[in-house]
Amino acid sequence: MAPFTEAEIAGARAGSGQATATDLRFRLREATDAAHRRLDAGFATRDLTRRVDYVAFLQTMAAAFAPLEDWLDGVDPVFLPPDWAVRRRAEALRADLIGLGVAVVRTSTEALRHSEAEAPGILYVLEGSRLGGQVLLRQVLASPDPLVHANARFLRHGEGQRLWASFAAWLSARPAQDHDAAARGALRAFALFEAAQVAG
């Protein structure tokens, strides 16, 4: 899965404005470009209309989403958007996997050693995956396998709520002193997704 797609889905359908050179979103996009391309390449061979590929995709997502979201739950709310609880998607992932008959193993957060100031960068990766998810959902819903298209809670999460646009606005308001830590967080989040992809 591309946590983002080309040009961030044309500026998230122009709903969140364009990032400028002083905007944290611009900084994070530049800092994570290579990692993003590697992750995209790793997922390019998956055909999400096929149950085996879709399950592998969801397992990769869950291996990163679950520990990152659990860790974010313990972060000082000053580093999180006010609607953080609405944005969580690990439970949707688990529900999809259970619906597909796959056992779900809870992933520990013990290996995560982030500073709280990295949280906006981690969220950038998690929230950005909604954009790529819009593209992947079309593939899932085209599957001839009824279990595949019946278990798309993760990809459908937040439909109609403009969650990327509101997140981008929140991110743009982050103070400049947070930018370096946020970039580290985004890169570490991508690294966790890449490790899950390789393990899968």
N, C-alpha and C. Protein backbone atom coordinates (compact mmCIF):
# COMPACT_ATOMS: atom_id res chain seq x y z
N MET A 1 0.84 -1.20 0.00
CA MET A 1 0.00 0.00 0.00
C MET A 1 0.86 1.23 0.00
N ALA A 2 0.52 2.17 -0.82
CA ALA A 2 1.21 3.44 -0.75
C ALA A 2 0.59 4.25 0.37
N PRO A 3 1.31 4.56 1.44
CA PRO A 3 0.72 5.45 2.42
C PRO A 3 0.32 6.77 1.78
N PHE A 4 0.89 7.10 0.63
CA PHE A 4 0.44 8.24 -0.15
C PHE A 4 0.43 7.79 -1.60
N THR A 5 -0.20 8.56 -2.45
CA THR A 5 -0.12 8.29 -3.87
C THR A 5 0.46 9.52 -4.55
N GLU A 6 0.57 9.48 -5.86
CA GLU A 6 1.23 10.56 -6.57
C GLU A 6 0.65 11.92 -6.21
N ALA A 7 1.54 12.83 -5.87
CA ALA A 7 1.16 14.20 -5.50
C ALA A 7 0.12 14.22 -4.40
N GLU A 8 0.25 13.25 -3.48
CA GLU A 8 -0.69 13.14 -2.35
C GLU A 8 -2.14 13.23 -2.82
N ILE A 9 -2.45 12.38 -3.81
CA ILE A 9 -3.78 12.36 -4.43
C ILE A 9 -4.19 13.79 -4.80
N ALA A 10 -3.32 14.38 -5.63
CA ALA A 10 -3.58 15.73 -6.14
C ALA A 10 -3.96 16.69 -5.03
N GLY A 11 -3.08 16.70 -4.01
CA GLY A 11 -3.32 17.63 -2.91
C GLY A 11 -4.54 17.26 -2.10
N ALA A 12 -4.73 15.91 -1.95
CA ALA A 12 -5.91 15.42 -1.22
C ALA A 12 -7.17 16.06 -1.78
N ARG A 13 -7.27 15.92 -3.13
CA ARG A 13 -8.43 16.46 -3.86
C ARG A 13 -8.59 17.96 -3.62
N ALA A 14 -7.44 18.62 -3.47
CA ALA A 14 -7.39 20.07 -3.27
C ALA A 14 -8.14 20.51 -2.03
N GLY A 15 -8.45 19.57 -1.15
CA GLY A 15 -9.23 19.93 0.03
C GLY A 15 -8.41 20.46 1.17
N SER A 16 -7.07 20.32 1.12
CA SER A 16 -6.27 20.75 2.25
C SER A 16 -5.27 21.82 1.88
N GLY A 17 -5.36 22.37 0.68
CA GLY A 17 -4.42 23.41 0.28
C GLY A 17 -3.08 22.82 -0.09
N GLN A 18 -2.17 23.66 -0.50
CA GLN A 18 -0.85 23.22 -0.92
C GLN A 18 0.16 23.51 0.19
N ALA A 19 1.03 22.52 0.46
CA ALA A 19 2.07 22.73 1.45
C ALA A 19 3.11 23.69 0.90
N THR A 20 3.64 24.56 1.76
CA THR A 20 4.69 25.48 1.37
C THR A 20 6.01 25.01 1.94
N ALA A 21 7.09 25.65 1.54
CA ALA A 21 8.43 25.22 1.96
C ALA A 21 8.63 25.33 3.47
N THR A 22 7.86 26.17 4.15
CA THR A 22 7.99 26.30 5.59
C THR A 22 6.98 25.44 6.35
N ASP A 23 6.16 24.72 5.63
CA ASP A 23 5.11 23.89 6.20
C ASP A 23 5.71 22.54 6.61
N LEU A 24 5.31 22.04 7.78
CA LEU A 24 5.81 20.74 8.24
C LEU A 24 5.45 19.64 7.25
N ARG A 25 4.31 19.75 6.60
CA ARG A 25 3.92 18.72 5.63
C ARG A 25 4.92 18.65 4.48
N PHE A 26 5.37 19.81 4.02
CA PHE A 26 6.38 19.85 2.96
C PHE A 26 7.67 19.18 3.45
N ARG A 27 8.08 19.52 4.66
CA ARG A 27 9.31 18.94 5.23
C ARG A 27 9.21 17.42 5.32
N LEU A 28 8.09 16.93 5.79
CA LEU A 28 7.92 15.49 5.95
C LEU A 28 7.84 14.78 4.61
N ARG A 29 7.19 15.39 3.64
CA ARG A 29 7.10 14.79 2.31
C ARG A 29 8.49 14.63 1.71
N GLU A 30 9.32 15.65 1.85
CA GLU A 30 10.68 15.58 1.32
C GLU A 30 11.52 14.55 2.09
N ALA A 31 11.41 14.56 3.41
CA ALA A 31 12.24 13.68 4.24
C ALA A 31 11.92 12.21 4.01
N THR A 32 10.67 11.90 3.67
CA THR A 32 10.26 10.51 3.56
C THR A 32 10.13 10.01 2.12
N ASP A 33 10.51 10.84 1.15
CA ASP A 33 10.28 10.47 -0.24
C ASP A 33 10.90 9.12 -0.61
N ALA A 34 12.16 8.90 -0.24
CA ALA A 34 12.83 7.65 -0.62
C ALA A 34 12.17 6.46 0.08
N ALA A 35 11.86 6.61 1.37
CA ALA A 35 11.23 5.51 2.10
C ALA A 35 9.86 5.20 1.53
N HIS A 36 9.14 6.24 1.17
CA HIS A 36 7.82 6.07 0.57
C HIS A 36 7.91 5.30 -0.74
N ARG A 37 8.89 5.64 -1.57
CA ARG A 37 9.05 4.96 -2.85
C ARG A 37 9.41 3.48 -2.65
N ARG A 38 10.25 3.20 -1.66
CA ARG A 38 10.59 1.79 -1.38
C ARG A 38 9.36 1.00 -0.96
N LEU A 39 8.55 1.59 -0.09
CA LEU A 39 7.35 0.89 0.37
C LEU A 39 6.38 0.67 -0.79
N ASP A 40 6.21 1.68 -1.62
CA ASP A 40 5.36 1.55 -2.80
C ASP A 40 5.81 0.38 -3.68
N ALA A 41 7.11 0.31 -3.91
CA ALA A 41 7.65 -0.73 -4.78
C ALA A 41 7.39 -2.11 -4.19
N GLY A 42 7.49 -2.22 -2.88
CA GLY A 42 7.25 -3.50 -2.23
C GLY A 42 5.81 -3.97 -2.35
N PHE A 43 4.88 -3.03 -2.39
CA PHE A 43 3.47 -3.40 -2.49
C PHE A 43 2.96 -3.49 -3.92
N ALA A 44 3.76 -3.06 -4.87
CA ALA A 44 3.30 -2.98 -6.26
C ALA A 44 2.94 -4.35 -6.83
N THR A 45 3.50 -5.41 -6.28
CA THR A 45 3.24 -6.75 -6.82
C THR A 45 1.97 -7.38 -6.24
N ARG A 46 1.35 -6.74 -5.28
CA ARG A 46 0.15 -7.30 -4.65
C ARG A 46 -1.09 -7.04 -5.51
N ASP A 47 -1.90 -8.07 -5.65
CA ASP A 47 -3.19 -7.94 -6.33
C ASP A 47 -4.26 -8.08 -5.25
N LEU A 48 -4.83 -6.97 -4.82
CA LEU A 48 -5.73 -7.00 -3.68
C LEU A 48 -7.11 -7.56 -4.00
N THR A 49 -7.34 -7.96 -5.24
CA THR A 49 -8.58 -8.69 -5.52
C THR A 49 -8.44 -10.15 -5.09
N ARG A 50 -7.20 -10.61 -4.88
CA ARG A 50 -6.93 -11.99 -4.47
C ARG A 50 -6.85 -12.05 -2.95
N ARG A 51 -7.55 -13.00 -2.35
CA ARG A 51 -7.60 -13.06 -0.88
C ARG A 51 -6.22 -13.21 -0.25
N VAL A 52 -5.36 -14.02 -0.83
CA VAL A 52 -4.05 -14.25 -0.24
C VAL A 52 -3.23 -12.95 -0.21
N ASP A 53 -3.30 -12.17 -1.27
CA ASP A 53 -2.57 -10.90 -1.30
C ASP A 53 -3.20 -9.86 -0.38
N TYR A 54 -4.52 -9.87 -0.33
CA TYR A 54 -5.20 -8.91 0.53
C TYR A 54 -4.91 -9.19 2.01
N VAL A 55 -4.93 -10.45 2.38
CA VAL A 55 -4.61 -10.83 3.76
C VAL A 55 -3.18 -10.42 4.10
N ALA A 56 -2.25 -10.68 3.18
CA ALA A 56 -0.85 -10.30 3.43
C ALA A 56 -0.71 -8.78 3.60
N PHE A 57 -1.43 -8.03 2.78
CA PHE A 57 -1.43 -6.58 2.89
C PHE A 57 -1.95 -6.13 4.26
N LEU A 58 -3.09 -6.67 4.68
CA LEU A 58 -3.67 -6.29 5.97
C LEU A 58 -2.75 -6.68 7.13
N GLN A 59 -2.11 -7.83 7.03
CA GLN A 59 -1.20 -8.26 8.09
C GLN A 59 -0.01 -7.31 8.20
N THR A 60 0.52 -6.87 7.07
CA THR A 60 1.61 -5.90 7.08
C THR A 60 1.16 -4.59 7.72
N MET A 61 -0.01 -4.12 7.33
CA MET A 61 -0.53 -2.88 7.90
C MET A 61 -0.73 -3.02 9.41
N ALA A 62 -1.31 -4.13 9.84
CA ALA A 62 -1.59 -4.34 11.26
C ALA A 62 -0.31 -4.41 12.08
N ALA A 63 0.73 -5.00 11.52
CA ALA A 63 1.99 -5.14 12.25
C ALA A 63 2.61 -3.80 12.59
N ALA A 64 2.32 -2.78 11.79
CA ALA A 64 2.84 -1.44 12.06
C ALA A 64 1.80 -0.57 12.74
N PHE A 65 0.57 -0.61 12.27
CA PHE A 65 -0.48 0.26 12.81
C PHE A 65 -0.72 0.00 14.30
N ALA A 66 -0.85 -1.26 14.67
CA ALA A 66 -1.23 -1.57 16.05
C ALA A 66 -0.23 -1.02 17.07
N PRO A 67 1.07 -1.32 16.94
CA PRO A 67 2.00 -0.78 17.94
C PRO A 67 2.12 0.74 17.90
N LEU A 68 2.07 1.32 16.70
CA LEU A 68 2.19 2.78 16.60
C LEU A 68 0.98 3.47 17.23
N GLU A 69 -0.21 2.96 16.96
CA GLU A 69 -1.40 3.57 17.56
C GLU A 69 -1.40 3.38 19.08
N ASP A 70 -1.01 2.19 19.54
CA ASP A 70 -0.96 1.96 20.99
C ASP A 70 0.04 2.92 21.64
N TRP A 71 1.17 3.14 20.97
CA TRP A 71 2.17 4.07 21.52
C TRP A 71 1.62 5.50 21.53
N LEU A 72 0.96 5.90 20.47
CA LEU A 72 0.39 7.24 20.39
C LEU A 72 -0.65 7.48 21.47
N ASP A 73 -1.35 6.43 21.89
CA ASP A 73 -2.34 6.58 22.96
C ASP A 73 -1.73 7.08 24.26
N GLY A 74 -0.44 6.85 24.44
CA GLY A 74 0.22 7.26 25.67
C GLY A 74 0.95 8.59 25.57
N VAL A 75 0.86 9.25 24.41
CA VAL A 75 1.57 10.51 24.18
C VAL A 75 0.77 11.67 24.78
N ASP A 76 1.51 12.69 25.24
CA ASP A 76 0.87 13.92 25.72
C ASP A 76 -0.04 14.46 24.61
N PRO A 77 -1.31 14.73 24.93
CA PRO A 77 -2.26 15.19 23.90
C PRO A 77 -1.81 16.44 23.14
N VAL A 78 -0.86 17.21 23.68
CA VAL A 78 -0.39 18.40 22.97
C VAL A 78 0.25 18.04 21.64
N PHE A 79 0.73 16.79 21.52
CA PHE A 79 1.38 16.33 20.28
C PHE A 79 0.43 15.61 19.35
N LEU A 80 -0.86 15.58 19.67
CA LEU A 80 -1.86 14.86 18.88
C LEU A 80 -2.99 15.79 18.45
N PRO A 81 -3.62 15.52 17.30
CA PRO A 81 -4.79 16.30 16.93
C PRO A 81 -5.91 16.04 17.94
N PRO A 82 -6.79 16.99 18.14
CA PRO A 82 -7.83 16.83 19.17
C PRO A 82 -8.78 15.66 18.92
N ASP A 83 -8.89 15.22 17.69
CA ASP A 83 -9.79 14.10 17.37
C ASP A 83 -9.02 12.79 17.16
N TRP A 84 -7.90 12.65 17.84
CA TRP A 84 -7.06 11.46 17.67
C TRP A 84 -7.86 10.17 17.80
N ALA A 85 -8.73 10.07 18.81
CA ALA A 85 -9.46 8.82 19.04
C ALA A 85 -10.30 8.40 17.84
N VAL A 86 -10.79 9.38 17.08
CA VAL A 86 -11.62 9.09 15.91
C VAL A 86 -10.78 8.52 14.77
N ARG A 87 -9.49 8.81 14.79
CA ARG A 87 -8.61 8.43 13.68
C ARG A 87 -8.03 7.03 13.80
N ARG A 88 -8.12 6.41 14.94
CA ARG A 88 -7.50 5.10 15.15
C ARG A 88 -8.12 4.05 14.21
N ARG A 89 -7.25 3.22 13.62
CA ARG A 89 -7.75 2.23 12.64
C ARG A 89 -7.30 0.81 12.89
N ALA A 90 -6.50 0.60 13.94
CA ALA A 90 -6.01 -0.76 14.18
C ALA A 90 -7.15 -1.73 14.44
N GLU A 91 -8.21 -1.28 15.12
CA GLU A 91 -9.33 -2.18 15.38
C GLU A 91 -10.05 -2.55 14.08
N ALA A 92 -10.12 -1.61 13.15
CA ALA A 92 -10.72 -1.93 11.85
C ALA A 92 -9.88 -2.98 11.12
N LEU A 93 -8.57 -2.86 11.23
CA LEU A 93 -7.69 -3.87 10.63
C LEU A 93 -7.93 -5.24 11.24
N ARG A 94 -7.99 -5.28 12.56
CA ARG A 94 -8.22 -6.56 13.24
C ARG A 94 -9.55 -7.17 12.83
N ALA A 95 -10.58 -6.33 12.74
CA ALA A 95 -11.90 -6.83 12.35
C ALA A 95 -11.88 -7.40 10.94
N ASP A 96 -11.16 -6.75 10.02
CA ASP A 96 -11.04 -7.27 8.65
C ASP A 96 -10.35 -8.63 8.65
N LEU A 97 -9.25 -8.73 9.39
CA LEU A 97 -8.52 -10.00 9.42
C LEU A 97 -9.36 -11.12 10.03
N ILE A 98 -10.05 -10.82 11.11
CA ILE A 98 -10.92 -11.83 11.73
C ILE A 98 -12.01 -12.24 10.75
N GLY A 99 -12.57 -11.26 10.03
CA GLY A 99 -13.60 -11.56 9.04
C GLY A 99 -13.09 -12.45 7.92
N LEU A 100 -11.79 -12.37 7.67
CA LEU A 100 -11.17 -13.20 6.64
C LEU A 100 -10.64 -14.51 7.20
N GLY A 101 -10.93 -14.77 8.48
CA GLY A 101 -10.55 -16.03 9.10
C GLY A 101 -9.10 -16.12 9.53
N VAL A 102 -8.49 -14.96 9.78
CA VAL A 102 -7.07 -14.93 10.14
C VAL A 102 -6.92 -14.58 11.62
N ALA A 103 -6.13 -15.37 12.32
CA ALA A 103 -5.86 -15.09 13.73
C ALA A 103 -5.05 -13.80 13.86
N VAL A 104 -5.37 -12.99 14.83
CA VAL A 104 -4.70 -11.71 15.03
C VAL A 104 -3.87 -11.77 16.30
N VAL A 105 -2.58 -11.45 16.16
CA VAL A 105 -1.66 -11.46 17.29
C VAL A 105 -1.40 -10.01 17.70
N ARG A 106 -1.58 -9.70 18.96
CA ARG A 106 -1.35 -8.34 19.46
C ARG A 106 0.14 -8.05 19.42
N THR A 107 0.52 -6.91 18.84
CA THR A 107 1.93 -6.55 18.71
C THR A 107 2.32 -5.62 19.85
N SER A 108 3.46 -5.91 20.47
CA SER A 108 3.92 -5.11 21.61
C SER A 108 4.50 -3.77 21.17
N THR A 109 4.39 -2.79 22.05
CA THR A 109 4.99 -1.48 21.81
C THR A 109 6.36 -1.36 22.47
N GLU A 110 6.85 -2.41 23.10
CA GLU A 110 8.07 -2.33 23.88
C GLU A 110 9.28 -1.91 23.05
N ALA A 111 9.31 -2.26 21.78
CA ALA A 111 10.47 -1.93 20.94
C ALA A 111 10.47 -0.48 20.48
N LEU A 112 9.35 0.22 20.67
CA LEU A 112 9.26 1.60 20.20
C LEU A 112 9.95 2.52 21.20
N ARG A 113 10.89 3.30 20.71
CA ARG A 113 11.64 4.22 21.57
C ARG A 113 11.59 5.63 20.98
N HIS A 114 10.40 6.09 20.71
CA HIS A 114 10.22 7.42 20.13
C HIS A 114 10.15 8.47 21.23
N SER A 115 10.50 9.70 20.88
CA SER A 115 10.20 10.81 21.77
C SER A 115 8.81 11.31 21.42
N GLU A 116 8.11 11.91 22.38
CA GLU A 116 6.75 12.36 22.12
C GLU A 116 6.69 13.37 20.98
N ALA A 117 7.75 14.16 20.82
CA ALA A 117 7.77 15.18 19.76
C ALA A 117 7.79 14.56 18.37
N GLU A 118 8.04 13.25 18.27
CA GLU A 118 8.01 12.56 16.98
C GLU A 118 6.59 12.22 16.55
N ALA A 119 5.63 12.35 17.45
CA ALA A 119 4.26 11.92 17.17
C ALA A 119 3.66 12.54 15.92
N PRO A 120 3.81 13.86 15.66
CA PRO A 120 3.21 14.39 14.43
C PRO A 120 3.74 13.73 13.16
N GLY A 121 5.01 13.35 13.14
CA GLY A 121 5.57 12.68 11.98
C GLY A 121 5.03 11.28 11.81
N ILE A 122 4.86 10.58 12.93
CA ILE A 122 4.25 9.24 12.87
C ILE A 122 2.83 9.34 12.36
N LEU A 123 2.11 10.32 12.85
CA LEU A 123 0.73 10.52 12.40
C LEU A 123 0.67 10.87 10.92
N TYR A 124 1.66 11.58 10.43
CA TYR A 124 1.71 11.93 9.00
C TYR A 124 1.70 10.66 8.15
N VAL A 125 2.44 9.66 8.59
CA VAL A 125 2.49 8.40 7.84
C VAL A 125 1.17 7.65 7.96
N LEU A 126 0.64 7.56 9.17
CA LEU A 126 -0.61 6.83 9.37
C LEU A 126 -1.78 7.51 8.65
N GLU A 127 -1.87 8.82 8.81
CA GLU A 127 -2.98 9.54 8.18
C GLU A 127 -2.83 9.59 6.67
N GLY A 128 -1.61 9.72 6.19
CA GLY A 128 -1.40 9.75 4.75
C GLY A 128 -1.82 8.47 4.07
N SER A 129 -1.80 7.36 4.82
CA SER A 129 -2.21 6.09 4.21
C SER A 129 -3.67 6.09 3.81
N ARG A 130 -4.45 7.03 4.36
CA ARG A 130 -5.85 7.13 3.92
C ARG A 130 -5.94 7.47 2.44
N LEU A 131 -4.99 8.28 1.95
CA LEU A 131 -5.03 8.70 0.55
C LEU A 131 -4.79 7.53 -0.38
N GLY A 132 -3.73 6.77 -0.10
CA GLY A 132 -3.47 5.58 -0.89
C GLY A 132 -4.60 4.58 -0.75
N GLY A 133 -5.21 4.55 0.43
CA GLY A 133 -6.30 3.62 0.67
C GLY A 133 -7.50 3.85 -0.22
N GLN A 134 -7.73 5.10 -0.61
CA GLN A 134 -8.84 5.39 -1.51
C GLN A 134 -8.66 4.69 -2.86
N VAL A 135 -7.43 4.62 -3.31
CA VAL A 135 -7.12 3.94 -4.58
C VAL A 135 -7.24 2.43 -4.42
N LEU A 136 -6.68 1.92 -3.31
CA LEU A 136 -6.69 0.48 -3.09
C LEU A 136 -8.10 -0.06 -2.84
N LEU A 137 -8.95 0.75 -2.25
CA LEU A 137 -10.31 0.30 -1.98
C LEU A 137 -11.03 -0.08 -3.27
N ARG A 138 -10.80 0.65 -4.33
CA ARG A 138 -11.46 0.32 -5.60
C ARG A 138 -11.06 -1.08 -6.06
N GLN A 139 -9.80 -1.43 -5.85
CA GLN A 139 -9.33 -2.77 -6.24
C GLN A 139 -10.00 -3.83 -5.37
N VAL A 140 -10.06 -3.57 -4.07
CA VAL A 140 -10.67 -4.53 -3.14
C VAL A 140 -12.14 -4.75 -3.47
N LEU A 141 -12.86 -3.67 -3.74
CA LEU A 141 -14.29 -3.80 -4.02
C LEU A 141 -14.57 -4.45 -5.36
N ALA A 142 -13.55 -4.52 -6.22
CA ALA A 142 -13.70 -5.20 -7.51
C ALA A 142 -13.42 -6.70 -7.42
N SER A 143 -13.04 -7.16 -6.24
CA SER A 143 -12.70 -8.57 -6.10
C SER A 143 -13.93 -9.46 -6.30
N PRO A 144 -13.76 -10.59 -6.99
CA PRO A 144 -14.87 -11.53 -7.13
C PRO A 144 -15.08 -12.35 -5.86
N ASP A 145 -14.14 -12.22 -4.92
CA ASP A 145 -14.22 -12.97 -3.66
C ASP A 145 -15.08 -12.17 -2.67
N PRO A 146 -16.24 -12.68 -2.28
CA PRO A 146 -17.12 -11.92 -1.39
C PRO A 146 -16.49 -11.63 -0.03
N LEU A 147 -15.60 -12.48 0.44
CA LEU A 147 -14.96 -12.22 1.73
C LEU A 147 -13.98 -11.06 1.65
N VAL A 148 -13.39 -10.84 0.49
CA VAL A 148 -12.47 -9.72 0.32
C VAL A 148 -13.23 -8.41 0.41
N HIS A 149 -14.23 -8.23 -0.46
CA HIS A 149 -14.89 -6.92 -0.46
C HIS A 149 -15.82 -6.72 0.73
N ALA A 150 -16.13 -7.79 1.46
CA ALA A 150 -16.94 -7.63 2.68
C ALA A 150 -16.09 -7.20 3.88
N ASN A 151 -14.78 -7.24 3.73
CA ASN A 151 -13.89 -6.92 4.85
C ASN A 151 -12.95 -5.79 4.45
N ALA A 152 -13.52 -4.62 4.30
CA ALA A 152 -12.76 -3.43 3.87
C ALA A 152 -12.93 -2.29 4.89
N ARG A 153 -13.08 -2.64 6.16
CA ARG A 153 -13.27 -1.62 7.19
C ARG A 153 -12.09 -0.66 7.28
N PHE A 154 -10.89 -1.21 7.19
CA PHE A 154 -9.68 -0.40 7.30
C PHE A 154 -9.61 0.63 6.18
N LEU A 155 -9.80 0.18 4.94
CA LEU A 155 -9.70 1.08 3.80
C LEU A 155 -10.87 2.06 3.73
N ARG A 156 -12.01 1.69 4.31
CA ARG A 156 -13.18 2.57 4.27
C ARG A 156 -13.23 3.51 5.47
N HIS A 157 -12.36 3.32 6.42
CA HIS A 157 -12.43 4.09 7.66
C HIS A 157 -12.39 5.60 7.38
N GLY A 158 -13.31 6.33 7.98
CA GLY A 158 -13.33 7.78 7.84
C GLY A 158 -13.93 8.30 6.56
N GLU A 159 -14.60 7.44 5.80
CA GLU A 159 -15.21 7.89 4.53
C GLU A 159 -16.12 9.09 4.79
N GLY A 160 -15.95 10.11 3.96
CA GLY A 160 -16.81 11.28 4.03
C GLY A 160 -16.50 12.24 5.16
N GLN A 161 -15.45 11.99 5.93
CA GLN A 161 -15.15 12.84 7.09
C GLN A 161 -14.03 13.85 6.84
N ARG A 162 -13.42 13.83 5.68
CA ARG A 162 -12.34 14.77 5.34
C ARG A 162 -11.23 14.76 6.39
N LEU A 163 -10.85 13.56 6.83
CA LEU A 163 -9.88 13.45 7.90
C LEU A 163 -8.48 13.88 7.47
N TRP A 164 -8.14 13.64 6.19
CA TRP A 164 -6.82 14.09 5.75
C TRP A 164 -6.75 15.61 5.72
N ALA A 165 -7.77 16.25 5.23
CA ALA A 165 -7.78 17.71 5.13
C ALA A 165 -7.65 18.34 6.52
N SER A 166 -8.39 17.83 7.49
CA SER A 166 -8.31 18.41 8.83
C SER A 166 -6.97 18.10 9.49
N PHE A 167 -6.41 16.93 9.19
CA PHE A 167 -5.09 16.61 9.73
C PHE A 167 -4.03 17.52 9.13
N ALA A 168 -4.10 17.75 7.82
CA ALA A 168 -3.12 18.61 7.16
C ALA A 168 -3.15 20.02 7.73
N ALA A 169 -4.34 20.50 8.06
CA ALA A 169 -4.46 21.83 8.66
C ALA A 169 -3.82 21.85 10.05
N TRP A 170 -4.05 20.80 10.82
CA TRP A 170 -3.43 20.69 12.15
C TRP A 170 -1.91 20.63 12.03
N LEU A 171 -1.43 19.83 11.07
CA LEU A 171 0.01 19.67 10.90
C LEU A 171 0.67 20.99 10.51
N SER A 172 0.01 21.75 9.67
CA SER A 172 0.56 23.03 9.21
C SER A 172 0.74 24.02 10.35
N ALA A 173 0.00 23.83 11.42
CA ALA A 173 0.06 24.76 12.56
C ALA A 173 1.11 24.36 13.59
N ARG A 174 1.81 23.24 13.35
CA ARG A 174 2.82 22.81 14.32
C ARG A 174 3.97 23.80 14.35
N PRO A 175 4.52 24.10 15.54
CA PRO A 175 5.63 25.06 15.64
C PRO A 175 6.89 24.54 14.97
N ALA A 176 7.71 25.47 14.48
CA ALA A 176 8.91 25.11 13.73
C ALA A 176 9.87 24.25 14.53
N GLN A 177 9.92 24.43 15.85
CA GLN A 177 10.86 23.65 16.65
C GLN A 177 10.51 22.17 16.70
N ASP A 178 9.29 21.82 16.26
CA ASP A 178 8.88 20.41 16.24
C ASP A 178 9.31 19.69 14.96
N HIS A 179 9.77 20.42 13.96
CA HIS A 179 9.94 19.84 12.64
C HIS A 179 10.99 18.72 12.59
N ASP A 180 12.14 18.90 13.22
CA ASP A 180 13.18 17.88 13.16
C ASP A 180 12.72 16.57 13.80
N ALA A 181 12.11 16.68 14.98
CA ALA A 181 11.63 15.49 15.66
C ALA A 181 10.53 14.80 14.86
N ALA A 182 9.65 15.59 14.26
CA ALA A 182 8.58 15.00 13.45
C ALA A 182 9.14 14.24 12.25
N ALA A 183 10.18 14.78 11.62
CA ALA A 183 10.81 14.09 10.50
C ALA A 183 11.40 12.76 10.95
N ARG A 184 12.04 12.74 12.11
CA ARG A 184 12.57 11.47 12.65
C ARG A 184 11.44 10.47 12.88
N GLY A 185 10.35 10.96 13.43
CA GLY A 185 9.22 10.07 13.69
C GLY A 185 8.65 9.48 12.42
N ALA A 186 8.52 10.30 11.38
CA ALA A 186 7.99 9.81 10.11
C ALA A 186 8.89 8.74 9.51
N LEU A 187 10.20 8.98 9.55
CA LEU A 187 11.14 8.01 8.99
C LEU A 187 11.11 6.71 9.78
N ARG A 188 10.99 6.80 11.09
CA ARG A 188 10.94 5.59 11.91
C ARG A 188 9.64 4.83 11.69
N ALA A 189 8.56 5.55 11.45
CA ALA A 189 7.30 4.88 11.14
C ALA A 189 7.40 4.15 9.81
N PHE A 190 7.96 4.80 8.79
CA PHE A 190 8.16 4.13 7.51
C PHE A 190 9.04 2.90 7.68
N ALA A 191 10.07 3.00 8.51
CA ALA A 191 10.96 1.86 8.73
C ALA A 191 10.19 0.68 9.33
N LEU A 192 9.25 0.97 10.22
CA LEU A 192 8.46 -0.11 10.81
C LEU A 192 7.57 -0.76 9.76
N PHE A 193 6.97 0.03 8.88
CA PHE A 193 6.17 -0.54 7.79
C PHE A 193 7.05 -1.37 6.85
N GLU A 194 8.23 -0.87 6.55
CA GLU A 194 9.12 -1.63 5.66
C GLU A 194 9.53 -2.95 6.29
N ALA A 195 9.84 -2.93 7.59
CA ALA A 195 10.21 -4.18 8.28
C ALA A 195 9.05 -5.16 8.27
N ALA A 196 7.83 -4.67 8.47
CA ALA A 196 6.66 -5.54 8.44
C ALA A 196 6.45 -6.10 7.05
N GLN A 197 6.71 -5.29 6.04
CA GLN A 197 6.55 -5.74 4.66
C GLN A 197 7.54 -6.86 4.33
N VAL A 198 8.79 -6.69 4.77
CA VAL A 198 9.80 -7.72 4.53
C VAL A 198 9.47 -9.00 5.28
N ALA A 199 9.01 -8.85 6.51
CA ALA A 199 8.66 -10.02 7.33
C ALA A 199 7.47 -10.77 6.77
N GLY A 200 6.58 -10.03 6.08
CA GLY A 200 5.38 -10.67 5.52
C GLY A 200 5.67 -11.39 4.23
